[in-house]
N, C-alpha and C. Protein backbone atom coordinates (compact mmCIF):
# COMPACT_ATOMS: atom_id res chain seq x y z
N MET A 1 23.08 21.32 22.56
CA MET A 1 23.80 21.76 21.38
C MET A 1 22.86 21.72 20.17
N ARG A 2 22.92 22.70 19.35
CA ARG A 2 21.99 22.82 18.23
C ARG A 2 22.17 21.73 17.18
N GLN A 3 23.41 21.34 16.91
CA GLN A 3 23.64 20.28 15.92
C GLN A 3 22.98 18.98 16.35
N ARG A 4 23.12 18.67 17.62
CA ARG A 4 22.52 17.42 18.13
C ARG A 4 21.00 17.47 18.00
N GLY A 5 20.41 18.60 18.38
CA GLY A 5 18.96 18.75 18.30
C GLY A 5 18.45 18.67 16.88
N LEU A 6 19.16 19.32 15.98
CA LEU A 6 18.77 19.29 14.56
C LEU A 6 18.86 17.87 14.02
N PHE A 7 19.95 17.17 14.34
CA PHE A 7 20.09 15.81 13.82
C PHE A 7 19.06 14.88 14.47
N ALA A 8 18.72 15.10 15.72
CA ALA A 8 17.68 14.30 16.36
C ALA A 8 16.35 14.51 15.64
N ASP A 9 16.08 15.75 15.20
CA ASP A 9 14.87 16.02 14.43
C ASP A 9 14.89 15.27 13.10
N VAL A 10 16.06 15.21 12.46
CA VAL A 10 16.19 14.47 11.20
C VAL A 10 15.92 12.99 11.42
N VAL A 11 16.45 12.44 12.49
CA VAL A 11 16.22 11.01 12.78
C VAL A 11 14.75 10.77 13.08
N GLY A 12 14.13 11.65 13.86
CA GLY A 12 12.70 11.52 14.14
C GLY A 12 11.88 11.56 12.87
N LEU A 13 12.25 12.43 11.97
CA LEU A 13 11.58 12.52 10.68
C LEU A 13 11.76 11.24 9.87
N SER A 14 12.92 10.64 9.96
CA SER A 14 13.18 9.40 9.21
C SER A 14 12.34 8.24 9.75
N LEU A 15 11.92 8.34 11.00
CA LEU A 15 11.11 7.28 11.61
C LEU A 15 9.62 7.43 11.32
N ASP A 16 9.23 8.56 10.76
CA ASP A 16 7.83 8.83 10.47
C ASP A 16 7.33 7.89 9.37
N THR A 17 6.25 7.20 9.64
CA THR A 17 5.73 6.22 8.69
C THR A 17 4.56 6.75 7.86
N THR A 18 4.22 8.02 8.04
CA THR A 18 3.12 8.59 7.26
C THR A 18 3.62 8.94 5.86
N SER A 19 2.72 9.44 5.04
CA SER A 19 3.09 9.78 3.67
C SER A 19 3.59 11.22 3.54
N ARG A 20 3.81 11.90 4.66
CA ARG A 20 4.30 13.28 4.59
C ARG A 20 5.68 13.33 3.98
N ARG A 21 5.97 14.48 3.34
CA ARG A 21 7.30 14.67 2.75
C ARG A 21 8.33 14.77 3.86
N ARG A 22 9.48 14.22 3.61
CA ARG A 22 10.57 14.24 4.60
C ARG A 22 11.42 15.48 4.37
N GLN A 23 11.03 16.56 4.99
CA GLN A 23 11.74 17.83 4.84
C GLN A 23 12.06 18.40 6.21
N VAL A 24 13.26 18.94 6.32
CA VAL A 24 13.63 19.68 7.52
C VAL A 24 13.99 21.09 7.06
N PHE A 25 13.42 22.08 7.74
CA PHE A 25 13.61 23.47 7.37
C PHE A 25 14.61 24.12 8.32
N VAL A 26 15.60 24.77 7.75
CA VAL A 26 16.64 25.44 8.53
C VAL A 26 16.86 26.84 7.96
N VAL A 27 17.60 27.67 8.70
CA VAL A 27 17.94 29.01 8.23
C VAL A 27 19.45 29.15 8.22
N GLY A 28 20.01 29.32 7.05
CA GLY A 28 21.44 29.58 6.93
C GLY A 28 22.24 28.43 6.36
N ASP A 29 23.47 28.78 5.99
CA ASP A 29 24.37 27.81 5.37
C ASP A 29 24.90 26.78 6.35
N TYR A 30 25.15 27.18 7.58
CA TYR A 30 25.79 26.27 8.53
C TYR A 30 24.97 25.01 8.80
N PRO A 31 23.66 25.13 9.13
CA PRO A 31 22.91 23.89 9.35
C PRO A 31 22.76 23.04 8.09
N VAL A 32 22.66 23.68 6.94
CA VAL A 32 22.58 22.93 5.68
C VAL A 32 23.87 22.13 5.48
N ARG A 33 25.01 22.80 5.63
CA ARG A 33 26.31 22.13 5.49
C ARG A 33 26.47 21.02 6.52
N SER A 34 26.03 21.29 7.73
CA SER A 34 26.17 20.30 8.80
C SER A 34 25.46 19.00 8.45
N LEU A 35 24.25 19.10 7.92
CA LEU A 35 23.50 17.89 7.60
C LEU A 35 23.96 17.22 6.31
N ARG A 36 24.48 17.99 5.38
CA ARG A 36 24.87 17.42 4.09
C ARG A 36 26.32 16.97 4.01
N THR A 37 27.21 17.53 4.84
CA THR A 37 28.63 17.22 4.69
C THR A 37 29.35 16.80 5.97
N SER A 38 28.66 16.78 7.09
CA SER A 38 29.32 16.49 8.37
C SER A 38 29.91 15.08 8.40
N ALA A 39 31.14 15.00 8.84
CA ALA A 39 31.81 13.70 8.97
C ALA A 39 31.70 13.16 10.40
N ARG A 40 30.95 13.85 11.24
CA ARG A 40 30.77 13.42 12.63
C ARG A 40 29.94 12.14 12.66
N LYS A 41 30.29 11.23 13.52
CA LYS A 41 29.57 9.95 13.63
C LYS A 41 28.14 10.19 14.10
N ALA A 42 27.19 9.65 13.39
CA ALA A 42 25.78 9.85 13.71
C ALA A 42 25.45 9.29 15.10
N SER A 43 25.98 8.14 15.43
CA SER A 43 25.68 7.53 16.73
C SER A 43 26.20 8.39 17.88
N LYS A 44 27.32 9.02 17.70
CA LYS A 44 27.87 9.90 18.73
C LYS A 44 27.03 11.17 18.86
N THR A 45 26.53 11.68 17.75
CA THR A 45 25.69 12.86 17.76
C THR A 45 24.36 12.58 18.47
N LEU A 46 23.89 11.35 18.41
CA LEU A 46 22.63 10.98 19.05
C LEU A 46 22.79 10.50 20.49
N SER A 47 23.98 10.55 21.04
CA SER A 47 24.24 9.98 22.35
C SER A 47 23.39 10.58 23.47
N LYS A 48 22.94 11.80 23.32
CA LYS A 48 22.12 12.44 24.34
C LYS A 48 20.65 12.60 23.92
N ALA A 49 20.29 12.01 22.80
CA ALA A 49 18.91 12.10 22.29
C ALA A 49 18.01 11.14 23.05
N ALA A 50 16.72 11.24 22.82
CA ALA A 50 15.76 10.32 23.41
C ALA A 50 16.11 8.89 23.01
N LEU A 51 15.82 7.96 23.89
CA LEU A 51 16.20 6.56 23.66
C LEU A 51 15.68 6.00 22.34
N LYS A 52 14.46 6.34 21.96
CA LYS A 52 13.91 5.77 20.72
C LYS A 52 14.61 6.31 19.47
N LEU A 53 15.32 7.42 19.61
CA LEU A 53 16.03 8.00 18.46
C LEU A 53 17.46 7.49 18.33
N ARG A 54 17.99 6.87 19.36
CA ARG A 54 19.41 6.50 19.36
C ARG A 54 19.76 5.34 18.44
N THR A 55 18.80 4.52 18.12
CA THR A 55 19.09 3.35 17.27
C THR A 55 18.06 3.22 16.15
N PRO A 56 18.00 4.20 15.26
CA PRO A 56 17.03 4.10 14.17
C PRO A 56 17.45 3.03 13.16
N GLU A 57 16.48 2.52 12.44
CA GLU A 57 16.75 1.53 11.41
C GLU A 57 17.64 2.14 10.34
N GLY A 58 18.64 1.39 9.93
CA GLY A 58 19.54 1.85 8.88
C GLY A 58 20.78 2.58 9.38
N LEU A 59 20.88 2.79 10.69
CA LEU A 59 22.04 3.49 11.23
C LEU A 59 23.10 2.49 11.67
N SER A 60 24.30 2.63 11.14
CA SER A 60 25.41 1.78 11.56
C SER A 60 26.37 2.61 12.40
N GLU A 61 27.24 1.97 13.14
CA GLU A 61 28.21 2.68 13.98
C GLU A 61 29.14 3.58 13.17
N ALA A 62 29.45 3.19 11.96
CA ALA A 62 30.40 3.95 11.15
C ALA A 62 29.76 5.08 10.35
N MET A 63 28.44 5.13 10.33
CA MET A 63 27.73 6.10 9.50
C MET A 63 27.87 7.52 10.04
N THR A 64 28.07 8.46 9.13
CA THR A 64 28.17 9.87 9.52
C THR A 64 26.80 10.54 9.45
N VAL A 65 26.73 11.75 9.99
CA VAL A 65 25.50 12.53 9.94
C VAL A 65 25.07 12.73 8.49
N ALA A 66 26.00 13.12 7.63
CA ALA A 66 25.69 13.37 6.22
C ALA A 66 25.21 12.08 5.53
N GLU A 67 25.84 10.97 5.81
CA GLU A 67 25.45 9.70 5.19
C GLU A 67 24.04 9.29 5.61
N PHE A 68 23.73 9.47 6.90
CA PHE A 68 22.39 9.10 7.37
C PHE A 68 21.34 10.01 6.76
N THR A 69 21.61 11.31 6.72
CA THR A 69 20.65 12.27 6.14
C THR A 69 20.36 11.90 4.69
N LEU A 70 21.38 11.55 3.95
CA LEU A 70 21.21 11.16 2.55
C LEU A 70 20.46 9.83 2.44
N ALA A 71 20.85 8.85 3.23
CA ALA A 71 20.23 7.52 3.18
C ALA A 71 18.75 7.56 3.59
N ALA A 72 18.42 8.46 4.51
CA ALA A 72 17.04 8.57 4.99
C ALA A 72 16.17 9.40 4.05
N ARG A 73 16.79 9.93 3.00
CA ARG A 73 16.09 10.74 1.99
C ARG A 73 15.40 11.96 2.61
N ILE A 74 16.15 12.64 3.48
CA ILE A 74 15.65 13.86 4.10
C ILE A 74 16.04 15.04 3.23
N GLU A 75 15.07 15.85 2.86
CA GLU A 75 15.34 17.05 2.07
C GLU A 75 15.61 18.20 3.04
N VAL A 76 16.78 18.80 2.92
CA VAL A 76 17.15 19.93 3.77
C VAL A 76 16.82 21.21 3.01
N VAL A 77 15.91 22.01 3.57
CA VAL A 77 15.43 23.22 2.91
C VAL A 77 15.90 24.44 3.71
N ASP A 78 16.63 25.32 3.04
CA ASP A 78 17.08 26.56 3.66
C ASP A 78 15.99 27.60 3.45
N LEU A 79 15.41 28.08 4.54
CA LEU A 79 14.32 29.05 4.44
C LEU A 79 14.76 30.38 3.84
N LYS A 80 16.07 30.66 3.86
CA LYS A 80 16.55 31.89 3.25
C LYS A 80 16.29 31.88 1.74
N ASP A 81 16.22 30.72 1.15
CA ASP A 81 15.92 30.62 -0.29
C ASP A 81 14.43 30.87 -0.57
N LEU A 82 13.58 30.59 0.41
CA LEU A 82 12.14 30.76 0.23
C LEU A 82 11.63 32.12 0.70
N ILE A 83 12.31 32.67 1.72
CA ILE A 83 11.89 33.96 2.30
C ILE A 83 13.07 34.91 2.24
N PRO A 84 13.16 35.73 1.22
CA PRO A 84 14.32 36.59 1.03
C PRO A 84 14.62 37.52 2.21
N LYS A 85 13.61 37.90 2.99
CA LYS A 85 13.83 38.82 4.12
C LYS A 85 14.68 38.20 5.23
N LEU A 86 14.86 36.90 5.20
CA LEU A 86 15.69 36.24 6.22
C LEU A 86 17.17 36.41 5.95
N ARG A 87 17.54 36.92 4.81
CA ARG A 87 18.95 37.09 4.44
C ARG A 87 19.63 38.12 5.27
């Protein structure tokens, strides 16, 4: 499922200890909304992810996808805003 894969990428990015910017690039309103407003439980969304991604630091059982994305300071960038031809 695409939502699970996208959120697994966000969690992987949150685990990165380098100085790179924490940005995830998506195309369209749906993935942006999913990461910023989803009320789905983050732990449930990660249930089929790689084992090292299932229990990231800062994730509680009650936390939603949107709450984790915000807490992990992940910037969600819609490529349609950067590349007009994608519209």
